[in-house]
Amino acid sequence: MNLRHTMKGRTVLTAVAITTGLVLTVAGCGGGGDDQPDKAASSAPAKDDDKGDDQGKESEAAEPDQVLAEATGDGITLKVTSATRDDGGFVTVEGTVTNGSSGSWVAADWRGDERELAKNGGSVAGASLVDQEGKKKYLILRDTEGRCLCTRFSGALRQGESADWYAQFPAPPEDTTKVDFQVGALPPASIELTEGE
């Protein structure tokens, strides 16, 4: 009798295991949402002709690569992609730097001459904004410990590498819409300030 109950138990367990496996397989294959419209199909714009499609691709590609200004020197290319006046009374400038030189590059001459800024290591701490019309120069903002409110590079950029950077400055007067961004030995890059959202 003991053997008979054991055999019956094994048969029941096997049946449960097979049923569970089938249920999971059917649920996995079901995909769900077949009664909902295809989101990819409904969000894709209707194509009238190839020309309209190409224009859509160009506008998509233009957004992330928008460059307000560019400065190059000694194989280093600095691009400014954003210069936004924020509500808190400061301006945030952002962009990329690319090492096109034949060796590694560290931002040693970008950190500024002030002794306090030397603790920032390779950084954008020596950058400034110059208002030519108002004849004012705006230095980078710092926190209470003297660290710049800017990118501090963690190491050298090897040949061909790029890195993102940002720097924050006191905001010029509201009527100032154009300033020159200056850092290191690079030539000044003239940029238009935009209002933050």
N, C-alpha and C. Protein backbone atom coordinates (compact mmCIF):
# COMPACT_ATOMS: atom_id res chain seq x y z
N MET A 1 0.81 -1.19 0.00
CA MET A 1 0.00 0.00 0.00
C MET A 1 0.87 1.26 0.00
N ASN A 2 1.95 1.19 0.68
CA ASN A 2 2.88 2.29 0.72
C ASN A 2 3.44 2.60 -0.66
N LEU A 3 3.77 1.53 -1.40
CA LEU A 3 4.30 1.66 -2.75
C LEU A 3 3.26 2.26 -3.69
N ARG A 4 2.02 1.87 -3.51
CA ARG A 4 0.93 2.37 -4.35
C ARG A 4 0.71 3.87 -4.15
N HIS A 5 0.73 4.35 -2.92
CA HIS A 5 0.58 5.78 -2.63
C HIS A 5 1.76 6.56 -3.19
N THR A 6 2.95 5.99 -3.10
CA THR A 6 4.14 6.67 -3.62
C THR A 6 4.04 6.84 -5.13
N MET A 7 3.61 5.81 -5.85
CA MET A 7 3.48 5.85 -7.30
C MET A 7 2.40 6.88 -7.71
N LYS A 8 1.29 6.88 -6.95
CA LYS A 8 0.21 7.83 -7.23
C LYS A 8 0.70 9.26 -7.02
N GLY A 9 1.48 9.48 -5.95
CA GLY A 9 2.03 10.82 -5.64
C GLY A 9 2.96 11.29 -6.75
N ARG A 10 3.81 10.36 -7.24
CA ARG A 10 4.73 10.73 -8.32
C ARG A 10 3.96 11.08 -9.60
N THR A 11 2.93 10.34 -9.89
CA THR A 11 2.12 10.60 -11.08
C THR A 11 1.47 11.97 -10.99
N VAL A 12 0.93 12.31 -9.81
CA VAL A 12 0.28 13.61 -9.61
C VAL A 12 1.31 14.73 -9.74
N LEU A 13 2.49 14.58 -9.13
CA LEU A 13 3.55 15.60 -9.22
C LEU A 13 3.99 15.80 -10.67
N THR A 14 4.13 14.71 -11.40
CA THR A 14 4.53 14.80 -12.80
C THR A 14 3.49 15.55 -13.61
N ALA A 15 2.22 15.26 -13.37
CA ALA A 15 1.13 15.93 -14.08
C ALA A 15 1.12 17.43 -13.76
N VAL A 16 1.33 17.78 -12.48
CA VAL A 16 1.35 19.18 -12.07
C VAL A 16 2.53 19.90 -12.74
N ALA A 17 3.69 19.26 -12.76
CA ALA A 17 4.88 19.87 -13.37
C ALA A 17 4.67 20.11 -14.86
N ILE A 18 4.10 19.15 -15.56
CA ILE A 18 3.87 19.29 -17.00
C ILE A 18 2.84 20.40 -17.26
N THR A 19 1.77 20.42 -16.46
CA THR A 19 0.74 21.44 -16.62
C THR A 19 1.32 22.83 -16.38
N THR A 20 2.12 22.98 -15.32
CA THR A 20 2.74 24.27 -15.00
C THR A 20 3.65 24.71 -16.15
N GLY A 21 4.43 23.78 -16.67
CA GLY A 21 5.32 24.10 -17.79
C GLY A 21 4.54 24.57 -19.01
N LEU A 22 3.44 23.89 -19.31
CA LEU A 22 2.62 24.30 -20.46
C LEU A 22 1.99 25.67 -20.26
N VAL A 23 1.52 25.93 -19.05
CA VAL A 23 0.90 27.23 -18.76
C VAL A 23 1.92 28.35 -18.92
N LEU A 24 3.13 28.14 -18.39
CA LEU A 24 4.18 29.16 -18.51
C LEU A 24 4.60 29.36 -19.96
N THR A 25 4.67 28.30 -20.71
CA THR A 25 5.04 28.40 -22.13
C THR A 25 4.00 29.19 -22.90
N VAL A 26 2.74 28.90 -22.68
CA VAL A 26 1.66 29.60 -23.37
C VAL A 26 1.66 31.08 -22.95
N ALA A 27 1.85 31.36 -21.67
CA ALA A 27 1.86 32.75 -21.19
C ALA A 27 3.04 33.51 -21.79
N GLY A 28 4.19 32.85 -21.89
CA GLY A 28 5.37 33.50 -22.47
C GLY A 28 5.20 33.79 -23.94
N CYS A 29 4.54 32.94 -24.65
CA CYS A 29 4.36 33.12 -26.09
C CYS A 29 3.21 34.05 -26.41
N GLY A 30 2.33 34.28 -25.46
CA GLY A 30 1.13 35.07 -25.72
C GLY A 30 1.44 36.49 -26.14
N GLY A 31 2.49 37.11 -25.60
CA GLY A 31 2.89 38.46 -25.98
C GLY A 31 2.00 39.53 -25.40
N GLY A 32 0.76 39.26 -25.18
CA GLY A 32 -0.16 40.24 -24.61
C GLY A 32 -0.23 41.50 -25.45
N GLY A 33 -1.30 42.17 -25.39
CA GLY A 33 -1.44 43.45 -26.07
C GLY A 33 -1.72 43.31 -27.55
N ASP A 34 -2.08 42.12 -28.06
CA ASP A 34 -2.38 41.98 -29.47
C ASP A 34 -3.60 42.79 -29.87
N ASP A 35 -4.45 43.06 -28.86
CA ASP A 35 -5.64 43.83 -29.17
C ASP A 35 -5.35 45.33 -29.18
N GLN A 36 -4.11 45.75 -28.75
CA GLN A 36 -3.75 47.16 -28.75
C GLN A 36 -3.09 47.49 -30.08
N PRO A 37 -3.24 48.73 -30.57
CA PRO A 37 -2.59 49.10 -31.82
C PRO A 37 -1.08 49.12 -31.65
N ASP A 38 -0.38 48.88 -32.71
CA ASP A 38 1.07 48.86 -32.71
C ASP A 38 1.59 50.27 -32.47
N LYS A 39 2.28 50.49 -31.33
CA LYS A 39 2.74 51.82 -30.97
C LYS A 39 3.75 52.34 -31.97
N ALA A 40 4.65 51.47 -32.43
CA ALA A 40 5.67 51.91 -33.38
C ALA A 40 5.04 52.36 -34.67
N ALA A 41 4.00 51.64 -35.11
CA ALA A 41 3.36 51.99 -36.37
C ALA A 41 2.56 53.28 -36.22
N SER A 42 1.91 53.47 -35.07
CA SER A 42 1.06 54.65 -34.92
C SER A 42 1.88 55.91 -34.68
N SER A 43 3.10 55.79 -34.09
CA SER A 43 3.89 56.97 -33.81
C SER A 43 4.77 57.36 -34.98
N ALA A 44 4.96 56.48 -35.95
CA ALA A 44 5.78 56.82 -37.10
C ALA A 44 5.01 57.76 -38.01
N PRO A 45 5.69 58.83 -38.49
CA PRO A 45 5.00 59.76 -39.36
C PRO A 45 4.71 59.12 -40.71
N ALA A 46 3.64 59.56 -41.33
CA ALA A 46 3.29 59.05 -42.66
C ALA A 46 4.29 59.58 -43.66
N LYS A 47 4.74 58.70 -44.55
CA LYS A 47 5.73 59.10 -45.54
C LYS A 47 5.02 59.45 -46.84
N ASP A 48 5.06 60.75 -47.18
CA ASP A 48 4.48 61.17 -48.45
C ASP A 48 5.48 60.97 -49.57
N ASP A 49 6.74 61.36 -49.29
CA ASP A 49 7.79 61.15 -50.27
C ASP A 49 9.13 61.04 -49.56
N ASP A 50 10.17 60.67 -50.25
CA ASP A 50 11.48 60.50 -49.64
C ASP A 50 12.05 61.81 -49.14
N LYS A 51 11.73 62.92 -49.78
CA LYS A 51 12.27 64.21 -49.38
C LYS A 51 11.83 64.58 -47.96
N GLY A 52 10.57 64.39 -47.64
CA GLY A 52 10.06 64.69 -46.31
C GLY A 52 10.73 63.84 -45.25
N ASP A 53 11.01 62.58 -45.57
CA ASP A 53 11.67 61.67 -44.64
C ASP A 53 13.09 62.13 -44.36
N ASP A 54 13.81 62.59 -45.39
CA ASP A 54 15.18 63.06 -45.21
C ASP A 54 15.22 64.30 -44.35
N GLN A 55 14.24 65.20 -44.48
CA GLN A 55 14.22 66.39 -43.66
C GLN A 55 14.04 66.04 -42.20
N GLY A 56 13.22 65.05 -41.90
CA GLY A 56 13.03 64.61 -40.52
C GLY A 56 14.32 64.07 -39.93
N LYS A 57 15.07 63.31 -40.74
CA LYS A 57 16.34 62.75 -40.26
C LYS A 57 17.35 63.85 -39.99
N GLU A 58 17.39 64.89 -40.86
CA GLU A 58 18.33 65.97 -40.67
C GLU A 58 18.05 66.74 -39.39
N SER A 59 16.77 67.01 -39.08
CA SER A 59 16.46 67.77 -37.87
C SER A 59 16.77 66.96 -36.62
N GLU A 60 16.57 65.63 -36.69
CA GLU A 60 16.92 64.79 -35.54
C GLU A 60 18.41 64.80 -35.31
N ALA A 61 19.21 64.75 -36.36
CA ALA A 61 20.65 64.71 -36.23
C ALA A 61 21.21 66.06 -35.80
N ALA A 62 20.53 67.16 -36.16
CA ALA A 62 21.05 68.49 -35.86
C ALA A 62 20.95 68.81 -34.38
N GLU A 63 19.94 68.32 -33.69
CA GLU A 63 19.74 68.68 -32.28
C GLU A 63 20.91 68.32 -31.37
N PRO A 64 21.37 67.03 -31.32
CA PRO A 64 22.42 66.72 -30.38
C PRO A 64 23.76 67.34 -30.74
N ASP A 65 23.99 67.69 -32.03
CA ASP A 65 25.27 68.21 -32.46
C ASP A 65 25.29 69.73 -32.56
N GLN A 66 24.32 70.41 -31.99
CA GLN A 66 24.25 71.86 -32.08
C GLN A 66 25.49 72.46 -31.41
N VAL A 67 26.22 73.28 -32.15
CA VAL A 67 27.43 73.91 -31.63
C VAL A 67 27.25 75.42 -31.71
N LEU A 68 27.35 76.09 -30.55
CA LEU A 68 27.22 77.54 -30.50
C LEU A 68 28.52 78.22 -30.89
N ALA A 69 29.65 77.61 -30.50
CA ALA A 69 30.96 78.17 -30.80
C ALA A 69 32.01 77.07 -30.71
N GLU A 70 33.15 77.33 -31.35
CA GLU A 70 34.24 76.36 -31.34
C GLU A 70 35.57 77.10 -31.31
N ALA A 71 36.51 76.58 -30.54
CA ALA A 71 37.85 77.16 -30.47
C ALA A 71 38.86 76.02 -30.55
N THR A 72 39.95 76.24 -31.32
CA THR A 72 40.95 75.19 -31.50
C THR A 72 42.34 75.77 -31.29
N GLY A 73 43.19 74.98 -30.64
CA GLY A 73 44.58 75.36 -30.43
C GLY A 73 45.39 74.17 -29.95
N ASP A 74 46.59 74.00 -30.52
CA ASP A 74 47.50 72.91 -30.14
C ASP A 74 46.83 71.53 -30.23
N GLY A 75 45.97 71.34 -31.19
CA GLY A 75 45.32 70.05 -31.39
C GLY A 75 44.11 69.82 -30.50
N ILE A 76 43.79 70.76 -29.65
CA ILE A 76 42.63 70.64 -28.75
C ILE A 76 41.47 71.44 -29.33
N THR A 77 40.30 70.81 -29.43
CA THR A 77 39.10 71.50 -29.94
C THR A 77 38.06 71.57 -28.83
N LEU A 78 37.66 72.77 -28.51
CA LEU A 78 36.63 73.01 -27.51
C LEU A 78 35.37 73.44 -28.23
N LYS A 79 34.26 72.77 -27.93
CA LYS A 79 32.97 73.14 -28.50
C LYS A 79 32.04 73.57 -27.38
N VAL A 80 31.30 74.64 -27.60
CA VAL A 80 30.28 75.11 -26.66
C VAL A 80 28.94 74.73 -27.27
N THR A 81 28.17 73.92 -26.54
CA THR A 81 26.88 73.46 -27.05
C THR A 81 25.69 74.10 -26.33
N SER A 82 25.95 74.76 -25.21
CA SER A 82 24.86 75.38 -24.45
C SER A 82 25.41 76.49 -23.58
N ALA A 83 24.70 77.61 -23.51
CA ALA A 83 25.05 78.73 -22.63
C ALA A 83 23.74 79.31 -22.11
N THR A 84 23.33 78.84 -20.94
CA THR A 84 22.00 79.13 -20.43
C THR A 84 22.03 80.02 -19.19
N ARG A 85 21.24 81.08 -19.24
CA ARG A 85 21.07 81.96 -18.08
C ARG A 85 20.01 81.32 -17.18
N ASP A 86 20.38 81.01 -15.95
CA ASP A 86 19.46 80.33 -15.02
C ASP A 86 18.84 81.33 -14.05
N ASP A 87 17.72 80.89 -13.41
CA ASP A 87 16.98 81.75 -12.49
C ASP A 87 17.81 82.18 -11.28
N GLY A 88 18.76 81.39 -10.86
CA GLY A 88 19.52 81.67 -9.64
C GLY A 88 20.56 82.76 -9.78
N GLY A 89 20.63 83.43 -10.95
CA GLY A 89 21.60 84.51 -11.13
C GLY A 89 22.94 84.02 -11.64
N PHE A 90 22.96 82.89 -12.32
CA PHE A 90 24.21 82.41 -12.89
C PHE A 90 23.99 81.89 -14.30
N VAL A 91 25.09 81.69 -15.00
CA VAL A 91 25.08 81.18 -16.37
C VAL A 91 25.82 79.85 -16.38
N THR A 92 25.21 78.83 -16.98
CA THR A 92 25.86 77.53 -17.13
C THR A 92 26.24 77.34 -18.59
N VAL A 93 27.54 77.11 -18.80
CA VAL A 93 28.07 76.88 -20.14
C VAL A 93 28.50 75.42 -20.21
N GLU A 94 28.09 74.72 -21.29
CA GLU A 94 28.42 73.30 -21.45
C GLU A 94 28.96 73.04 -22.84
N GLY A 95 29.70 71.93 -22.96
CA GLY A 95 30.21 71.56 -24.27
C GLY A 95 31.06 70.31 -24.21
N THR A 96 31.93 70.17 -25.21
CA THR A 96 32.84 69.02 -25.28
C THR A 96 34.24 69.52 -25.60
N VAL A 97 35.22 68.72 -25.20
CA VAL A 97 36.61 68.99 -25.57
C VAL A 97 37.15 67.71 -26.21
N THR A 98 37.86 67.87 -27.32
CA THR A 98 38.40 66.72 -28.05
C THR A 98 39.90 66.87 -28.22
N ASN A 99 40.62 65.82 -27.94
CA ASN A 99 42.08 65.82 -28.09
C ASN A 99 42.44 65.32 -29.48
N GLY A 100 42.81 66.25 -30.35
CA GLY A 100 43.25 65.89 -31.69
C GLY A 100 44.75 65.95 -31.82
N SER A 101 45.46 66.09 -30.70
CA SER A 101 46.92 66.15 -30.74
C SER A 101 47.50 64.75 -30.87
N SER A 102 48.82 64.67 -30.94
CA SER A 102 49.48 63.37 -31.13
C SER A 102 49.75 62.64 -29.82
N GLY A 103 49.49 63.27 -28.70
CA GLY A 103 49.72 62.62 -27.40
C GLY A 103 48.56 62.81 -26.46
N SER A 104 48.77 62.49 -25.19
CA SER A 104 47.73 62.68 -24.17
C SER A 104 47.66 64.15 -23.79
N TRP A 105 46.48 64.57 -23.32
CA TRP A 105 46.28 65.96 -22.91
C TRP A 105 45.64 66.00 -21.53
N VAL A 106 46.21 66.86 -20.67
CA VAL A 106 45.59 67.14 -19.37
C VAL A 106 45.27 68.63 -19.35
N ALA A 107 44.24 68.99 -18.64
CA ALA A 107 43.77 70.38 -18.64
C ALA A 107 44.52 71.23 -17.63
N ALA A 108 45.84 71.05 -17.54
CA ALA A 108 46.63 71.76 -16.53
C ALA A 108 46.55 73.27 -16.70
N ASP A 109 46.63 73.78 -17.94
CA ASP A 109 46.59 75.23 -18.13
C ASP A 109 45.17 75.78 -18.14
N TRP A 110 44.20 74.92 -17.99
CA TRP A 110 42.81 75.37 -17.93
C TRP A 110 42.36 75.62 -16.49
N ARG A 111 43.15 75.21 -15.51
CA ARG A 111 42.68 75.32 -14.12
C ARG A 111 42.86 76.70 -13.53
N GLY A 112 43.58 77.58 -14.18
CA GLY A 112 43.73 78.94 -13.69
C GLY A 112 45.02 79.15 -12.91
N ASP A 113 45.36 80.43 -12.73
CA ASP A 113 46.63 80.78 -12.08
C ASP A 113 46.50 80.93 -10.57
N GLU A 114 45.30 81.12 -10.08
CA GLU A 114 45.13 81.35 -8.64
C GLU A 114 45.52 80.11 -7.84
N ARG A 115 46.23 80.30 -6.76
CA ARG A 115 46.70 79.18 -5.93
C ARG A 115 45.53 78.35 -5.42
N GLU A 116 44.43 79.00 -5.05
CA GLU A 116 43.27 78.28 -4.52
C GLU A 116 42.68 77.32 -5.56
N LEU A 117 42.77 77.69 -6.84
CA LEU A 117 42.21 76.86 -7.89
C LEU A 117 43.10 75.67 -8.25
N ALA A 118 44.36 75.70 -7.79
CA ALA A 118 45.28 74.61 -8.12
C ALA A 118 44.79 73.28 -7.57
N LYS A 119 44.02 73.31 -6.46
CA LYS A 119 43.53 72.05 -5.88
C LYS A 119 42.44 71.41 -6.73
N ASN A 120 41.99 72.11 -7.77
CA ASN A 120 41.00 71.54 -8.67
C ASN A 120 41.62 70.57 -9.67
N GLY A 121 42.95 70.51 -9.72
CA GLY A 121 43.61 69.63 -10.67
C GLY A 121 43.27 70.03 -12.09
N GLY A 122 43.23 69.07 -13.01
CA GLY A 122 42.83 69.35 -14.38
C GLY A 122 41.36 69.68 -14.41
N SER A 123 41.03 70.92 -14.72
CA SER A 123 39.64 71.34 -14.69
C SER A 123 39.44 72.52 -15.62
N VAL A 124 38.23 73.06 -15.63
CA VAL A 124 37.91 74.25 -16.41
C VAL A 124 37.89 75.47 -15.49
N ALA A 125 38.54 75.38 -14.33
CA ALA A 125 38.47 76.41 -13.30
C ALA A 125 39.01 77.76 -13.74
N GLY A 126 39.90 77.80 -14.72
CA GLY A 126 40.47 79.06 -15.18
C GLY A 126 39.66 79.75 -16.26
N ALA A 127 38.49 79.22 -16.58
CA ALA A 127 37.66 79.79 -17.64
C ALA A 127 37.03 81.10 -17.18
N SER A 128 36.68 81.93 -18.15
CA SER A 128 36.01 83.20 -17.85
C SER A 128 35.04 83.56 -18.97
N LEU A 129 34.08 84.40 -18.62
CA LEU A 129 33.18 85.00 -19.60
C LEU A 129 33.52 86.48 -19.67
N VAL A 130 33.64 87.01 -20.87
CA VAL A 130 33.96 88.43 -21.03
C VAL A 130 32.82 89.11 -21.76
N ASP A 131 32.29 90.15 -21.12
CA ASP A 131 31.26 90.99 -21.71
C ASP A 131 31.98 92.19 -22.32
N GLN A 132 32.17 92.16 -23.64
CA GLN A 132 32.94 93.21 -24.32
C GLN A 132 32.25 94.57 -24.21
N GLU A 133 30.92 94.58 -24.38
CA GLU A 133 30.20 95.85 -24.33
C GLU A 133 30.22 96.45 -22.93
N GLY A 134 29.94 95.62 -21.93
CA GLY A 134 29.92 96.10 -20.54
C GLY A 134 31.30 96.19 -19.93
N LYS A 135 32.33 95.74 -20.66
CA LYS A 135 33.72 95.77 -20.20
C LYS A 135 33.88 95.10 -18.84
N LYS A 136 33.31 93.85 -18.75
CA LYS A 136 33.43 93.10 -17.50
C LYS A 136 33.86 91.68 -17.80
N LYS A 137 34.62 91.14 -16.85
CA LYS A 137 35.08 89.75 -16.94
C LYS A 137 34.48 88.99 -15.76
N TYR A 138 33.85 87.84 -16.06
CA TYR A 138 33.20 87.04 -15.03
C TYR A 138 34.00 85.75 -14.84
N LEU A 139 34.47 85.56 -13.60
CA LEU A 139 35.25 84.35 -13.29
C LEU A 139 34.32 83.24 -12.84
N ILE A 140 34.83 82.05 -12.88
CA ILE A 140 34.04 80.87 -12.55
C ILE A 140 33.59 80.90 -11.09
N LEU A 141 32.40 80.40 -10.83
CA LEU A 141 31.89 80.35 -9.45
C LEU A 141 32.57 79.22 -8.68
N ARG A 142 32.63 79.38 -7.36
CA ARG A 142 33.24 78.35 -6.51
C ARG A 142 32.32 78.02 -5.35
N ASP A 143 32.51 76.82 -4.79
CA ASP A 143 31.75 76.45 -3.60
C ASP A 143 32.45 76.98 -2.37
N THR A 144 31.93 76.69 -1.18
CA THR A 144 32.49 77.23 0.06
C THR A 144 33.88 76.70 0.38
N GLU A 145 34.30 75.63 -0.28
CA GLU A 145 35.64 75.08 -0.05
C GLU A 145 36.62 75.49 -1.14
N GLY A 146 36.20 76.40 -2.01
CA GLY A 146 37.09 76.92 -3.04
C GLY A 146 37.15 76.07 -4.31
N ARG A 147 36.35 75.02 -4.38
CA ARG A 147 36.34 74.20 -5.59
C ARG A 147 35.46 74.88 -6.64
N CYS A 148 35.90 74.80 -7.87
CA CYS A 148 35.14 75.45 -8.94
C CYS A 148 33.83 74.72 -9.17
N LEU A 149 32.82 75.46 -9.61
CA LEU A 149 31.56 74.87 -10.06
C LEU A 149 31.74 74.58 -11.55
N CYS A 150 32.51 73.55 -11.79
CA CYS A 150 32.89 73.21 -13.16
C CYS A 150 33.34 71.76 -13.21
N THR A 151 33.62 71.31 -14.42
CA THR A 151 34.12 69.95 -14.61
C THR A 151 35.56 69.85 -14.13
N ARG A 152 35.82 68.81 -13.36
CA ARG A 152 37.19 68.47 -12.97
C ARG A 152 37.50 67.15 -13.66
N PHE A 153 38.44 67.18 -14.60
CA PHE A 153 38.78 65.99 -15.37
C PHE A 153 39.51 64.99 -14.49
N SER A 154 39.14 63.72 -14.56
CA SER A 154 39.71 62.70 -13.69
C SER A 154 41.06 62.18 -14.19
N GLY A 155 41.41 62.44 -15.42
CA GLY A 155 42.68 61.97 -15.97
C GLY A 155 42.93 62.60 -17.31
N ALA A 156 43.95 62.09 -17.98
CA ALA A 156 44.32 62.63 -19.29
C ALA A 156 43.37 62.13 -20.37
N LEU A 157 43.19 62.96 -21.39
CA LEU A 157 42.46 62.55 -22.58
C LEU A 157 43.48 62.02 -23.57
N ARG A 158 43.31 60.77 -23.99
CA ARG A 158 44.22 60.22 -24.99
C ARG A 158 43.86 60.75 -26.36
N GLN A 159 44.74 60.55 -27.30
CA GLN A 159 44.54 61.03 -28.66
C GLN A 159 43.20 60.54 -29.23
N GLY A 160 42.41 61.48 -29.75
CA GLY A 160 41.12 61.15 -30.36
C GLY A 160 39.96 61.07 -29.38
N GLU A 161 40.22 61.14 -28.08
CA GLU A 161 39.15 61.05 -27.08
C GLU A 161 38.48 62.40 -26.87
N SER A 162 37.21 62.35 -26.45
CA SER A 162 36.45 63.56 -26.13
C SER A 162 35.88 63.44 -24.73
N ALA A 163 35.59 64.58 -24.12
CA ALA A 163 34.96 64.60 -22.80
C ALA A 163 33.98 65.76 -22.74
N ASP A 164 32.90 65.58 -22.00
CA ASP A 164 31.93 66.65 -21.76
C ASP A 164 32.46 67.54 -20.65
N TRP A 165 32.09 68.80 -20.66
CA TRP A 165 32.48 69.72 -19.60
C TRP A 165 31.34 70.73 -19.36
N TYR A 166 31.40 71.36 -18.19
CA TYR A 166 30.46 72.45 -17.88
C TYR A 166 31.18 73.44 -16.98
N ALA A 167 30.69 74.66 -16.93
CA ALA A 167 31.24 75.69 -16.05
C ALA A 167 30.12 76.67 -15.72
N GLN A 168 30.11 77.16 -14.47
CA GLN A 168 29.08 78.11 -14.04
C GLN A 168 29.71 79.44 -13.66
N PHE A 169 29.06 80.53 -14.06
CA PHE A 169 29.55 81.88 -13.86
C PHE A 169 28.43 82.76 -13.31
N PRO A 170 28.79 83.89 -12.67
CA PRO A 170 27.74 84.86 -12.32
C PRO A 170 27.11 85.37 -13.61
N ALA A 171 25.83 85.64 -13.59
CA ALA A 171 25.13 86.09 -14.80
C ALA A 171 25.41 87.56 -15.06
N PRO A 172 25.73 87.89 -16.31
CA PRO A 172 25.84 89.31 -16.67
C PRO A 172 24.45 89.96 -16.62
N PRO A 173 24.37 91.28 -16.76
CA PRO A 173 23.06 91.95 -16.75
C PRO A 173 22.13 91.37 -17.82
N GLU A 174 20.84 91.51 -17.61
CA GLU A 174 19.82 90.94 -18.50
C GLU A 174 19.98 91.38 -19.95
N ASP A 175 20.41 92.63 -20.17
CA ASP A 175 20.52 93.11 -21.54
C ASP A 175 21.77 92.61 -22.27
N THR A 176 22.63 91.89 -21.56
CA THR A 176 23.81 91.30 -22.20
C THR A 176 23.42 89.94 -22.75
N THR A 177 23.48 89.80 -24.05
CA THR A 177 23.07 88.54 -24.68
C THR A 177 24.24 87.80 -25.31
N LYS A 178 25.38 88.47 -25.47
CA LYS A 178 26.54 87.85 -26.12
C LYS A 178 27.77 88.05 -25.26
N VAL A 179 28.54 86.99 -25.05
CA VAL A 179 29.77 87.04 -24.27
C VAL A 179 30.83 86.19 -24.98
N ASP A 180 32.09 86.38 -24.58
CA ASP A 180 33.18 85.56 -25.08
C ASP A 180 33.58 84.58 -23.99
N PHE A 181 33.64 83.28 -24.34
CA PHE A 181 34.11 82.25 -23.41
C PHE A 181 35.59 82.07 -23.66
N GLN A 182 36.39 82.14 -22.59
CA GLN A 182 37.85 82.02 -22.70
C GLN A 182 38.36 81.00 -21.70
N VAL A 183 39.25 80.11 -22.15
CA VAL A 183 39.90 79.17 -21.24
C VAL A 183 41.28 78.83 -21.79
N GLY A 184 42.27 78.78 -20.89
CA GLY A 184 43.63 78.43 -21.27
C GLY A 184 44.16 79.31 -22.39
N ALA A 185 44.93 78.70 -23.30
CA ALA A 185 45.53 79.45 -24.41
C ALA A 185 44.64 79.44 -25.66
N LEU A 186 43.44 78.88 -25.55
CA LEU A 186 42.54 78.85 -26.70
C LEU A 186 42.03 80.25 -27.01
N PRO A 187 41.75 80.52 -28.28
CA PRO A 187 41.17 81.83 -28.62
C PRO A 187 39.76 81.94 -28.05
N PRO A 188 39.30 83.17 -27.80
CA PRO A 188 37.94 83.36 -27.26
C PRO A 188 36.88 82.80 -28.23
N ALA A 189 35.82 82.25 -27.64
CA ALA A 189 34.69 81.73 -28.42
C ALA A 189 33.48 82.59 -28.09
N SER A 190 32.95 83.28 -29.08
CA SER A 190 31.80 84.16 -28.88
C SER A 190 30.52 83.34 -28.84
N ILE A 191 29.73 83.51 -27.75
CA ILE A 191 28.52 82.71 -27.58
C ILE A 191 27.33 83.59 -27.23
N GLU A 192 26.14 83.13 -27.68
CA GLU A 192 24.88 83.81 -27.35
C GLU A 192 24.29 83.14 -26.11
N LEU A 193 23.84 83.95 -25.15
CA LEU A 193 23.20 83.41 -23.96
C LEU A 193 21.73 83.19 -24.22
N THR A 194 21.22 82.07 -23.73
CA THR A 194 19.79 81.78 -23.85
C THR A 194 19.18 81.74 -22.47
N GLU A 195 17.89 81.97 -22.39
CA GLU A 195 17.17 81.93 -21.12
C GLU A 195 16.83 80.50 -20.76
N GLY A 196 16.99 80.15 -19.47
CA GLY A 196 16.63 78.83 -18.99
C GLY A 196 15.12 78.67 -18.99
N GLU A 197 14.69 77.42 -19.03
CA GLU A 197 13.24 77.12 -19.06
C GLU A 197 12.68 77.06 -17.66
